[in-house]
N, C-alpha and C. Protein backbone atom coordinates (compact mmCIF):
# COMPACT_ATOMS: atom_id res chain seq x y z
N MET A 1 -67.07 15.13 28.71
CA MET A 1 -67.25 15.52 28.04
C MET A 1 -68.75 15.95 28.70
N THR A 2 -69.12 17.06 29.05
CA THR A 2 -70.20 17.84 29.77
C THR A 2 -71.24 17.61 28.67
N SER A 3 -72.59 17.73 29.03
CA SER A 3 -73.42 17.76 27.48
C SER A 3 -73.49 19.13 27.14
N ALA A 4 -73.17 20.50 27.60
CA ALA A 4 -72.64 21.42 26.68
C ALA A 4 -71.57 21.28 25.59
N GLU A 5 -70.68 20.78 26.07
CA GLU A 5 -69.83 20.43 24.93
C GLU A 5 -70.07 19.57 23.87
N GLU A 6 -70.78 18.74 24.63
CA GLU A 6 -71.04 17.74 23.35
C GLU A 6 -72.19 18.60 22.12
N ARG A 7 -72.65 19.38 22.79
CA ARG A 7 -73.84 20.12 22.22
C ARG A 7 -72.96 20.77 21.59
N PHE A 8 -72.24 21.51 21.88
CA PHE A 8 -71.52 22.51 20.82
C PHE A 8 -70.68 22.05 19.92
N GLU A 9 -69.95 20.71 20.10
CA GLU A 9 -69.18 19.86 19.23
C GLU A 9 -70.40 19.53 18.08
N ALA A 10 -71.34 18.93 18.42
CA ALA A 10 -72.26 18.87 17.41
C ALA A 10 -72.92 19.95 16.54
N LEU A 11 -73.07 20.75 17.35
CA LEU A 11 -73.58 22.02 16.57
C LEU A 11 -72.23 22.27 16.02
N PHE A 12 -71.43 22.81 16.30
CA PHE A 12 -70.59 22.82 15.46
C PHE A 12 -69.86 22.07 14.38
N ASN A 13 -69.62 20.94 14.20
CA ASN A 13 -69.30 20.05 13.41
C ASN A 13 -70.80 19.76 12.02
N ALA A 14 -72.02 20.40 12.73
CA ALA A 14 -73.08 19.74 11.74
C ALA A 14 -73.43 21.71 10.91
N ASN A 15 -72.73 22.68 11.47
CA ASN A 15 -73.22 24.03 10.85
C ASN A 15 -71.81 25.00 10.61
N TYR A 16 -70.59 24.29 11.24
CA TYR A 16 -69.25 25.44 10.37
C TYR A 16 -69.35 25.69 8.92
N GLY A 17 -69.34 24.37 7.90
CA GLY A 17 -69.28 24.43 6.74
C GLY A 17 -70.48 25.80 6.23
N ASP A 18 -71.60 25.62 6.60
CA ASP A 18 -72.90 26.35 6.38
C ASP A 18 -72.41 27.96 6.35
N VAL A 19 -72.24 28.02 7.62
CA VAL A 19 -71.92 29.55 8.69
C VAL A 19 -70.92 29.92 7.99
N LEU A 20 -69.87 29.31 7.67
CA LEU A 20 -68.36 29.62 6.65
C LEU A 20 -68.93 29.94 5.15
N ALA A 21 -69.66 29.30 4.87
CA ALA A 21 -70.43 29.76 3.00
C ALA A 21 -70.81 30.93 3.62
N TYR A 22 -71.88 30.90 4.33
CA TYR A 22 -73.12 32.44 4.18
C TYR A 22 -72.24 33.33 4.36
N THR A 23 -70.98 33.66 5.37
CA THR A 23 -70.30 34.89 5.48
C THR A 23 -69.22 34.90 4.50
N VAL A 24 -68.57 34.05 3.87
CA VAL A 24 -67.91 33.91 2.51
C VAL A 24 -68.34 34.58 1.76
N ARG A 25 -70.15 34.41 1.32
CA ARG A 25 -70.82 35.02 0.12
C ARG A 25 -70.67 36.82 0.63
N ARG A 26 -70.78 37.32 1.82
CA ARG A 26 -71.49 38.80 2.36
C ARG A 26 -69.91 38.87 2.90
N CYS A 27 -68.62 38.70 2.64
CA CYS A 27 -67.57 39.19 3.02
C CYS A 27 -66.57 39.70 1.77
N PRO A 28 -65.69 40.94 2.31
CA PRO A 28 -64.66 41.00 0.87
C PRO A 28 -63.36 40.02 0.93
N SER A 29 -63.55 39.50 2.04
CA SER A 29 -62.37 38.23 2.15
C SER A 29 -62.66 37.11 2.77
N ARG A 30 -61.91 36.04 2.65
CA ARG A 30 -62.15 34.97 2.94
C ARG A 30 -61.67 35.12 4.80
N GLN A 31 -60.79 35.83 4.69
CA GLN A 31 -59.80 36.01 6.34
C GLN A 31 -60.98 36.78 7.16
N ASP A 32 -61.80 37.86 6.21
CA ASP A 32 -62.70 38.43 7.49
C ASP A 32 -63.78 37.38 7.63
N ALA A 33 -64.42 36.45 6.72
CA ALA A 33 -65.17 35.41 6.95
C ALA A 33 -64.91 34.64 7.81
N GLU A 34 -63.57 33.89 8.06
CA GLU A 34 -63.21 33.38 9.01
C GLU A 34 -63.24 34.26 10.02
N ASP A 35 -62.79 35.23 10.30
CA ASP A 35 -62.59 35.64 11.95
C ASP A 35 -64.48 35.67 12.08
N ILE A 36 -65.40 36.12 11.44
CA ILE A 36 -67.31 36.24 11.87
C ILE A 36 -67.38 34.78 12.20
N VAL A 37 -66.71 33.79 11.55
CA VAL A 37 -67.16 32.90 11.78
C VAL A 37 -66.59 32.06 13.48
N ALA A 38 -65.18 32.33 13.57
CA ALA A 38 -64.76 32.00 14.72
C ALA A 38 -65.44 32.96 15.99
N GLU A 39 -66.12 34.11 15.56
CA GLU A 39 -66.73 35.00 16.63
C GLU A 39 -67.98 34.20 16.54
N THR A 40 -68.67 33.97 15.90
CA THR A 40 -70.01 33.14 15.94
C THR A 40 -69.97 31.90 16.88
N PHE A 41 -69.06 31.46 16.76
CA PHE A 41 -69.05 30.27 17.06
C PHE A 41 -68.11 30.86 19.30
N ALA A 42 -68.02 31.49 19.08
CA ALA A 42 -67.43 31.77 20.33
C ALA A 42 -68.57 32.50 21.13
N VAL A 43 -69.37 33.05 20.28
CA VAL A 43 -70.68 33.49 21.12
C VAL A 43 -71.32 32.09 21.14
N ALA A 44 -71.68 31.39 20.66
CA ALA A 44 -72.46 30.31 20.17
C ALA A 44 -72.16 29.51 22.15
N TRP A 45 -70.39 29.42 21.99
CA TRP A 45 -69.98 28.31 22.64
C TRP A 45 -70.89 29.65 24.55
N ARG A 46 -70.81 30.68 24.35
CA ARG A 46 -71.16 31.44 25.53
C ARG A 46 -72.49 31.25 25.87
N ARG A 47 -73.33 31.26 24.66
CA ARG A 47 -74.91 31.05 25.01
C ARG A 47 -75.04 29.50 24.85
N ILE A 48 -74.61 28.53 24.61
CA ILE A 48 -74.87 27.28 24.39
C ILE A 48 -76.35 27.26 24.85
N THR A 49 -76.72 27.40 26.14
CA THR A 49 -77.89 27.23 26.70
C THR A 49 -79.46 27.95 25.46
N ASP A 50 -78.75 29.21 25.11
CA ASP A 50 -79.96 29.47 24.54
C ASP A 50 -80.07 29.49 23.33
N ILE A 51 -79.15 28.53 22.49
CA ILE A 51 -79.01 28.46 21.31
C ILE A 51 -80.45 27.19 21.22
N PRO A 52 -81.53 27.80 20.31
CA PRO A 52 -82.71 26.44 19.97
C PRO A 52 -82.36 25.36 19.07
N GLN A 53 -83.24 24.22 19.08
CA GLN A 53 -82.57 22.91 18.76
C GLN A 53 -83.26 22.58 17.20
N GLY A 54 -82.58 21.67 16.79
CA GLY A 54 -82.52 21.52 15.41
C GLY A 54 -82.45 22.51 14.50
N GLU A 55 -83.55 22.55 13.22
CA GLU A 55 -82.71 23.49 12.24
C GLU A 55 -82.53 24.66 12.71
N ARG A 56 -83.96 24.72 13.77
CA ARG A 56 -83.43 26.58 14.27
C ARG A 56 -81.77 26.92 14.77
N ALA A 57 -81.53 26.04 14.82
CA ALA A 57 -80.07 26.50 15.71
C ALA A 57 -79.47 26.59 14.56
N ARG A 58 -79.41 26.37 13.18
CA ARG A 58 -78.46 26.60 12.12
C ARG A 58 -78.84 28.21 11.84
N LEU A 59 -80.04 28.14 11.86
CA LEU A 59 -80.89 29.79 11.40
C LEU A 59 -79.87 30.87 12.57
N TRP A 60 -80.10 30.34 13.56
CA TRP A 60 -79.75 31.10 15.14
C TRP A 60 -78.36 31.59 14.76
N LEU A 61 -77.44 30.46 14.17
CA LEU A 61 -76.15 30.98 13.89
C LEU A 61 -75.92 31.68 12.92
N PHE A 62 -77.09 31.82 11.62
CA PHE A 62 -76.80 32.40 10.45
C PHE A 62 -76.72 34.08 10.90
N GLY A 63 -78.05 34.04 12.30
CA GLY A 63 -78.73 35.56 12.61
C GLY A 63 -77.55 35.81 13.38
N THR A 64 -76.48 35.09 14.07
CA THR A 64 -75.81 35.44 15.30
C THR A 64 -74.43 35.94 13.97
N ALA A 65 -74.05 35.11 13.25
CA ALA A 65 -73.12 35.51 11.92
C ALA A 65 -73.08 36.98 11.02
N ARG A 66 -74.52 36.76 11.11
CA ARG A 66 -75.17 38.31 10.82
C ARG A 66 -74.90 39.66 11.60
N LEU A 67 -75.40 39.85 12.70
CA LEU A 67 -75.07 40.45 13.81
C LEU A 67 -73.47 40.99 14.12
N VAL A 68 -72.82 39.92 14.00
CA VAL A 68 -71.38 39.68 14.25
C VAL A 68 -70.69 40.58 13.24
N ARG A 69 -70.91 40.70 11.71
CA ARG A 69 -70.31 41.07 10.63
C ARG A 69 -71.40 42.66 10.64
N LEU A 70 -72.05 42.77 10.72
CA LEU A 70 -72.65 44.32 10.95
C LEU A 70 -71.31 44.99 12.18
N ASN A 71 -71.72 44.31 13.68
CA ASN A 71 -70.65 44.69 14.63
C ASN A 71 -69.15 45.08 14.05
N GLN A 72 -68.88 44.34 13.23
CA GLN A 72 -67.52 44.59 12.66
C GLN A 72 -67.37 45.64 11.31
N GLU A 73 -68.36 45.55 10.76
CA GLU A 73 -68.62 46.70 9.66
C GLU A 73 -68.88 47.93 10.74
N ARG A 74 -69.61 48.47 11.45
CA ARG A 74 -69.53 49.01 12.65
C ARG A 74 -68.42 49.87 12.88
N ALA A 75 -67.42 48.84 13.73
CA ALA A 75 -66.03 49.03 14.37
C ALA A 75 -65.16 49.78 12.96
N ARG A 76 -65.18 48.93 12.07
CA ARG A 76 -63.89 49.30 10.94
C ARG A 76 -64.61 50.98 10.40
N GLN A 77 -65.87 50.99 10.19
CA GLN A 77 -66.38 52.66 9.79
C GLN A 77 -66.07 53.90 10.80
N ARG A 78 -66.05 53.08 12.33
CA ARG A 78 -65.51 54.13 13.08
C ARG A 78 -63.99 54.52 13.21
N GLN A 79 -63.19 53.20 12.74
CA GLN A 79 -61.75 53.01 13.22
C GLN A 79 -61.21 53.72 11.57
N ARG A 80 -61.87 53.74 10.58
CA ARG A 80 -61.43 54.72 9.46
C ARG A 80 -61.90 56.30 9.94
N SER A 81 -62.99 56.30 10.41
CA SER A 81 -63.39 57.93 10.80
C SER A 81 -62.41 58.21 11.32
N LEU A 82 -62.17 57.73 12.07
CA LEU A 82 -61.22 57.98 13.16
C LEU A 82 -59.88 58.57 12.48
N ALA A 83 -58.92 57.52 12.10
CA ALA A 83 -57.87 57.54 11.00
C ALA A 83 -58.45 58.67 10.30
N GLU A 84 -58.89 59.02 9.24
CA GLU A 84 -59.11 59.93 8.75
C GLU A 84 -59.03 61.48 9.07
N ARG A 85 -60.14 61.86 10.16
CA ARG A 85 -59.42 62.98 11.41
C ARG A 85 -58.21 63.04 11.55
N VAL A 86 -57.56 62.08 12.45
CA VAL A 86 -56.40 62.13 12.75
C VAL A 86 -55.24 62.29 11.81
N ARG A 87 -55.46 62.22 10.78
CA ARG A 87 -54.59 62.22 9.29
C ARG A 87 -54.88 64.03 9.21
N GLU A 88 -56.01 64.26 9.33
CA GLU A 88 -56.57 65.67 8.59
C GLU A 88 -55.63 66.72 9.71
N VAL A 89 -55.65 66.51 11.09
CA VAL A 89 -55.18 67.03 12.18
C VAL A 89 -53.49 66.89 11.85
N LEU A 90 -52.92 66.01 11.94
CA LEU A 90 -51.89 66.16 11.57
C LEU A 90 -51.05 66.57 10.59
N HIS A 91 -51.87 66.58 9.19
CA HIS A 91 -51.22 66.92 8.08
C HIS A 91 -51.55 68.63 8.29
N THR A 92 -53.03 69.18 8.96
CA THR A 92 -52.69 70.26 9.31
C THR A 92 -51.45 71.04 10.30
N LEU A 93 -51.37 69.89 11.01
CA LEU A 93 -50.07 70.78 12.00
C LEU A 93 -48.81 70.64 11.39
N TRP A 94 -48.58 69.86 10.49
CA TRP A 94 -47.44 69.37 9.55
C TRP A 94 -47.78 70.20 8.23
N ASP A 95 -48.43 70.69 7.95
CA ASP A 95 -48.43 71.68 6.67
C ASP A 95 -47.90 72.91 7.18
N ARG A 96 -48.30 73.32 8.43
CA ARG A 96 -48.62 74.53 8.92
C ARG A 96 -46.94 74.73 9.32
N GLY A 97 -45.90 73.57 9.00
CA GLY A 97 -44.15 74.21 8.72
C GLY A 97 -44.02 75.31 9.71
N ALA A 98 -43.57 75.97 8.68
CA ALA A 98 -42.75 76.73 9.77
C ALA A 98 -43.60 77.99 10.81
N ASP A 99 -44.95 77.82 10.30
CA ASP A 99 -45.74 78.66 11.30
C ASP A 99 -45.73 78.00 12.62
N THR A 100 -45.73 76.51 12.85
CA THR A 100 -46.14 76.01 13.68
C THR A 100 -44.59 76.16 14.93
N GLU A 101 -45.21 76.24 16.07
CA GLU A 101 -43.76 76.58 17.10
C GLU A 101 -43.44 75.57 17.10
N LEU A 102 -41.68 75.10 17.67
CA LEU A 102 -41.30 73.84 17.14
C LEU A 102 -41.72 73.26 18.45
N SER A 103 -42.46 74.17 19.69
CA SER A 103 -42.39 73.34 21.00
C SER A 103 -43.96 72.12 20.77
N GLU A 104 -44.58 72.68 19.57
CA GLU A 104 -45.99 71.69 19.38
C GLU A 104 -45.59 70.40 19.04
N ARG A 105 -44.57 70.38 17.81
CA ARG A 105 -44.22 69.22 16.95
C ARG A 105 -43.41 68.50 18.03
N GLU A 106 -42.60 69.17 18.78
CA GLU A 106 -41.79 68.31 19.75
C GLU A 106 -42.56 67.64 20.75
N GLN A 107 -43.45 68.45 21.04
CA GLN A 107 -44.68 68.18 21.97
C GLN A 107 -45.24 66.48 21.04
N ILE A 108 -45.64 66.56 20.15
CA ILE A 108 -46.37 65.39 19.46
C ILE A 108 -45.16 64.45 19.74
N GLN A 109 -43.79 64.52 19.08
CA GLN A 109 -43.12 63.44 18.77
C GLN A 109 -42.68 62.90 19.87
N HIS A 110 -42.68 63.51 21.24
CA HIS A 110 -42.47 63.35 22.68
C HIS A 110 -43.43 62.01 22.78
N ALA A 111 -44.61 62.48 22.97
CA ALA A 111 -45.92 62.03 23.22
C ALA A 111 -45.55 60.58 22.63
N PHE A 112 -45.24 60.45 21.34
CA PHE A 112 -45.71 59.67 20.55
C PHE A 112 -44.35 58.88 20.60
N ALA A 113 -43.22 59.34 21.35
CA ALA A 113 -41.99 58.35 21.57
C ALA A 113 -41.78 57.87 22.83
N ALA A 114 -42.61 58.43 23.52
CA ALA A 114 -43.26 57.77 25.07
C ALA A 114 -43.77 56.84 25.16
N LEU A 115 -44.67 56.60 23.75
CA LEU A 115 -45.32 55.05 23.76
C LEU A 115 -44.65 53.54 23.87
N THR A 116 -45.24 52.44 24.10
CA THR A 116 -44.51 51.34 24.12
C THR A 116 -44.26 51.18 22.64
N PRO A 117 -42.93 50.53 22.34
CA PRO A 117 -42.91 49.99 20.83
C PRO A 117 -44.14 49.35 20.03
N ILE A 118 -45.11 48.72 21.03
CA ILE A 118 -46.44 47.75 20.33
C ILE A 118 -47.33 49.17 20.19
N ASP A 119 -47.44 50.19 20.84
CA ASP A 119 -48.55 51.13 21.12
C ASP A 119 -47.72 51.54 19.57
N ARG A 120 -47.00 52.39 19.48
CA ARG A 120 -46.47 53.10 18.35
C ARG A 120 -46.62 52.16 16.73
N GLU A 121 -46.64 51.09 17.00
CA GLU A 121 -46.35 50.25 15.89
C GLU A 121 -48.09 50.24 15.87
N VAL A 122 -49.07 49.79 16.58
CA VAL A 122 -50.07 49.29 15.84
C VAL A 122 -50.76 50.79 15.40
N LEU A 123 -50.67 51.82 15.75
CA LEU A 123 -50.68 53.22 15.52
C LEU A 123 -50.31 53.55 14.29
N GLN A 124 -48.91 53.15 13.81
CA GLN A 124 -48.28 53.74 12.71
C GLN A 124 -48.91 52.89 11.63
N LEU A 125 -48.94 51.46 12.02
CA LEU A 125 -49.59 50.75 10.72
C LEU A 125 -51.34 51.23 10.81
N HIS A 126 -51.91 51.83 11.45
CA HIS A 126 -53.56 51.74 11.41
C HIS A 126 -53.27 53.26 10.88
N VAL A 127 -52.66 54.02 11.34
CA VAL A 127 -52.82 55.44 10.78
C VAL A 127 -52.39 55.97 9.46
N TRP A 128 -50.90 55.44 9.59
CA TRP A 128 -49.65 56.03 8.80
C TRP A 128 -49.94 55.28 7.49
N GLU A 129 -50.19 53.61 7.62
CA GLU A 129 -50.07 52.70 6.64
C GLU A 129 -51.51 52.58 6.15
N GLU A 130 -52.55 53.09 7.07
CA GLU A 130 -53.77 52.64 6.35
C GLU A 130 -53.97 51.48 6.36
N LEU A 131 -54.16 50.49 7.51
CA LEU A 131 -53.80 49.19 7.66
C LEU A 131 -55.17 48.69 8.04
N SER A 132 -56.19 48.10 7.85
CA SER A 132 -57.44 47.70 8.97
C SER A 132 -56.74 47.04 9.74
N ALA A 133 -57.68 46.84 10.60
CA ALA A 133 -57.25 45.77 11.79
C ALA A 133 -57.12 44.24 11.76
N ASP A 134 -57.76 44.00 10.60
CA ASP A 134 -57.40 42.57 9.95
C ASP A 134 -55.68 42.19 9.47
N GLU A 135 -55.43 43.61 8.83
CA GLU A 135 -54.38 43.66 8.32
C GLU A 135 -53.55 43.75 9.48
N ILE A 136 -53.47 44.50 10.24
CA ILE A 136 -52.69 44.37 11.37
C ILE A 136 -52.22 43.02 11.66
N ALA A 137 -53.60 42.52 12.37
CA ALA A 137 -53.62 41.12 12.67
C ALA A 137 -52.53 40.54 12.38
N VAL A 138 -52.96 40.10 11.17
CA VAL A 138 -51.43 39.65 9.92
C VAL A 138 -50.48 39.94 10.28
N ALA A 139 -50.49 41.24 9.88
CA ALA A 139 -48.99 41.74 10.11
C ALA A 139 -48.10 41.43 11.26
N LEU A 140 -48.77 41.85 12.43
CA LEU A 140 -48.03 41.51 13.73
C LEU A 140 -48.77 39.84 14.45
N ASP A 141 -49.02 38.82 13.87
CA ASP A 141 -49.45 37.73 14.02
C ASP A 141 -50.07 37.63 14.95
N ILE A 142 -51.56 38.48 15.65
CA ILE A 142 -52.02 38.23 16.48
C ILE A 142 -53.49 38.48 15.90
N SER A 143 -54.59 38.22 17.15
CA SER A 143 -55.82 38.09 16.77
C SER A 143 -56.55 39.59 16.61
N THR A 144 -57.33 39.85 15.51
CA THR A 144 -58.17 41.12 15.26
C THR A 144 -58.69 41.70 16.61
N PRO A 145 -59.18 41.20 17.73
CA PRO A 145 -60.00 41.76 18.58
C PRO A 145 -58.64 41.79 19.46
N ALA A 146 -57.61 41.47 19.40
CA ALA A 146 -56.52 41.78 20.17
C ALA A 146 -56.03 43.28 19.27
N VAL A 147 -56.27 43.40 18.24
CA VAL A 147 -55.80 44.89 17.43
C VAL A 147 -56.47 45.72 18.02
N TRP A 148 -57.69 45.69 17.76
CA TRP A 148 -58.57 46.78 18.61
C TRP A 148 -58.72 46.59 20.10
N LYS A 149 -57.86 46.11 20.65
CA LYS A 149 -58.18 46.44 22.05
C LYS A 149 -56.56 47.10 22.09
N ARG A 150 -55.65 46.82 21.44
CA ARG A 150 -54.10 47.75 21.74
C ARG A 150 -54.64 49.21 20.95
N LEU A 151 -55.33 49.10 19.87
CA LEU A 151 -55.29 50.60 19.27
C LEU A 151 -56.34 51.03 19.85
N GLN A 152 -57.31 50.79 20.91
CA GLN A 152 -58.22 51.63 21.98
C GLN A 152 -56.87 52.01 23.17
N ARG A 153 -55.97 51.08 23.24
CA ARG A 153 -55.25 51.37 24.69
C ARG A 153 -54.07 52.45 24.01
N ALA A 154 -53.34 52.33 22.85
CA ALA A 154 -52.51 53.14 22.48
C ALA A 154 -53.26 54.38 22.13
N ARG A 155 -54.36 55.04 21.82
CA ARG A 155 -54.68 55.89 21.46
C ARG A 155 -55.00 56.58 22.95
N GLU A 156 -55.83 55.76 24.05
CA GLU A 156 -55.82 56.58 25.25
C GLU A 156 -54.25 57.15 25.83
N ARG A 157 -53.42 56.13 25.32
CA ARG A 157 -52.05 56.50 26.08
C ARG A 157 -51.49 58.00 25.63
N LEU A 158 -51.55 58.29 24.09
CA LEU A 158 -51.02 59.51 22.81
C LEU A 158 -52.07 60.27 23.94
N SER A 159 -53.08 60.32 23.93
CA SER A 159 -54.28 61.31 24.27
C SER A 159 -53.73 61.77 25.54
N ARG A 160 -53.60 60.74 26.89
CA ARG A 160 -53.04 61.42 28.13
C ARG A 160 -51.77 62.09 28.12
N ALA A 161 -50.73 61.62 26.95
CA ALA A 161 -49.17 62.10 26.49
C ALA A 161 -49.56 63.31 25.92
N LEU A 162 -50.43 63.84 25.59
CA LEU A 162 -50.64 65.08 24.63
C LEU A 162 -51.47 66.02 25.89
N GLU A 163 -52.15 65.90 27.04
CA GLU A 163 -52.91 66.40 27.56
C GLU A 163 -51.95 67.61 27.80
N PRO A 164 -52.28 69.18 28.20
CA PRO A 164 -52.01 70.23 28.37
C PRO A 164 -51.52 70.26 30.03
N GLN A 165 -50.05 70.46 30.47
CA GLN A 165 -49.97 70.90 31.75
C GLN A 165 -51.03 71.60 32.50
N THR A 166 -51.22 72.92 32.22
CA THR A 166 -52.74 73.29 32.89
C THR A 166 -53.38 74.01 31.56
N ASP A 167 -54.41 74.01 32.34
CA ASP A 167 -55.93 74.17 31.51
C ASP A 167 -55.46 75.91 30.75
N ASP A 168 -55.36 76.62 31.28
CA ASP A 168 -54.61 77.99 30.62
C ASP A 168 -53.67 77.62 29.46
N ASP A 169 -53.25 76.29 29.16
CA ASP A 169 -51.83 76.38 28.19
C ASP A 169 -52.31 75.45 26.98
N PRO A 170 -53.45 75.76 26.44
CA PRO A 170 -53.70 75.09 25.48
C PRO A 170 -53.30 74.94 24.07
N THR A 171 -52.82 74.11 23.49
CA THR A 171 -52.22 74.00 22.30
C THR A 171 -52.77 73.42 21.29
N PRO A 172 -52.43 73.82 19.97
CA PRO A 172 -53.17 72.95 18.61
C PRO A 172 -53.08 71.73 18.99
N SER A 173 -52.02 70.96 19.40
CA SER A 173 -52.27 69.70 19.43
C SER A 173 -53.70 68.86 20.46
N LEU A 174 -54.27 69.79 20.92
CA LEU A 174 -55.22 69.88 21.80
C LEU A 174 -56.19 68.92 20.60
N ALA A 175 -56.51 69.76 19.71
CA ALA A 175 -57.22 69.07 18.35
C ALA A 175 -56.84 67.51 18.43
N VAL A 176 -55.81 66.87 18.24
CA VAL A 176 -55.90 65.73 18.43
C VAL A 176 -56.25 64.68 19.71
N VAL A 177 -55.88 65.04 20.64
CA VAL A 177 -56.73 64.84 21.79
C VAL A 177 -58.01 64.56 22.27
N ARG A 178 -58.52 65.59 21.66
CA ARG A 178 -60.02 65.79 21.42
C ARG A 178 -60.45 64.50 20.26
N THR A 179 -60.08 64.44 19.60
CA THR A 179 -60.17 63.62 18.28
C THR A 179 -60.48 62.17 18.91
N VAL A 180 -59.38 61.98 19.45
CA VAL A 180 -58.99 60.81 19.92
C VAL A 180 -59.67 60.43 20.85
N ARG A 181 -60.54 61.01 21.87
CA ARG A 181 -61.09 61.03 23.08
C ARG A 181 -62.47 60.66 22.10
N ARG A 182 -62.77 61.50 21.23
CA ARG A 182 -64.17 61.29 21.26
C ARG A 182 -64.58 59.82 20.30
N GLU A 183 -63.40 59.13 19.55
CA GLU A 183 -63.91 58.01 19.51
C GLU A 183 -63.57 56.88 20.25
N THR A 184 -63.01 56.81 21.53
CA THR A 184 -62.36 55.75 22.19
C THR A 184 -63.72 56.36 23.38
N ARG A 185 -64.39 56.78 23.34
CA ARG A 185 -65.22 56.52 24.51
C ARG A 185 -66.27 55.61 24.17
């Protein structure tokens, strides 16, 4: 083992329980807390040379766990806002019923059908089933960061698939494209 590996192992062994307890008291679920602890120690591994020595290392880990939790909360809020906007647009298009040209519905259906099965699944779980990224991770047996990445890619692919062929051929489905693009930038 290198000295960095030894230092990380000692840091982990000495502080894992305290950092987990810290996050459990601040998170809605134990799984959320464990995800934050995992990310906190991933940051610690990447920044092992920046971590202070002694008791200050434990405090550094608490501060890092706090920042990870806040980042995850902001990301969840952005995802909830996006999901709500997409639901509103899709409900508006659907509620227009007979007033909506069949070609618009077909365009959306074809764009969605053109996605890969995993893109369709992750979007359906998030938007239609209203699952959080953590819940999707459990359902798909993948990590939460992998869910965020798949959601981002799926939204980008759906956005590209819904783009009109020409600029002078706008359709109401462009509202979906604009909504998706706004949140993926």
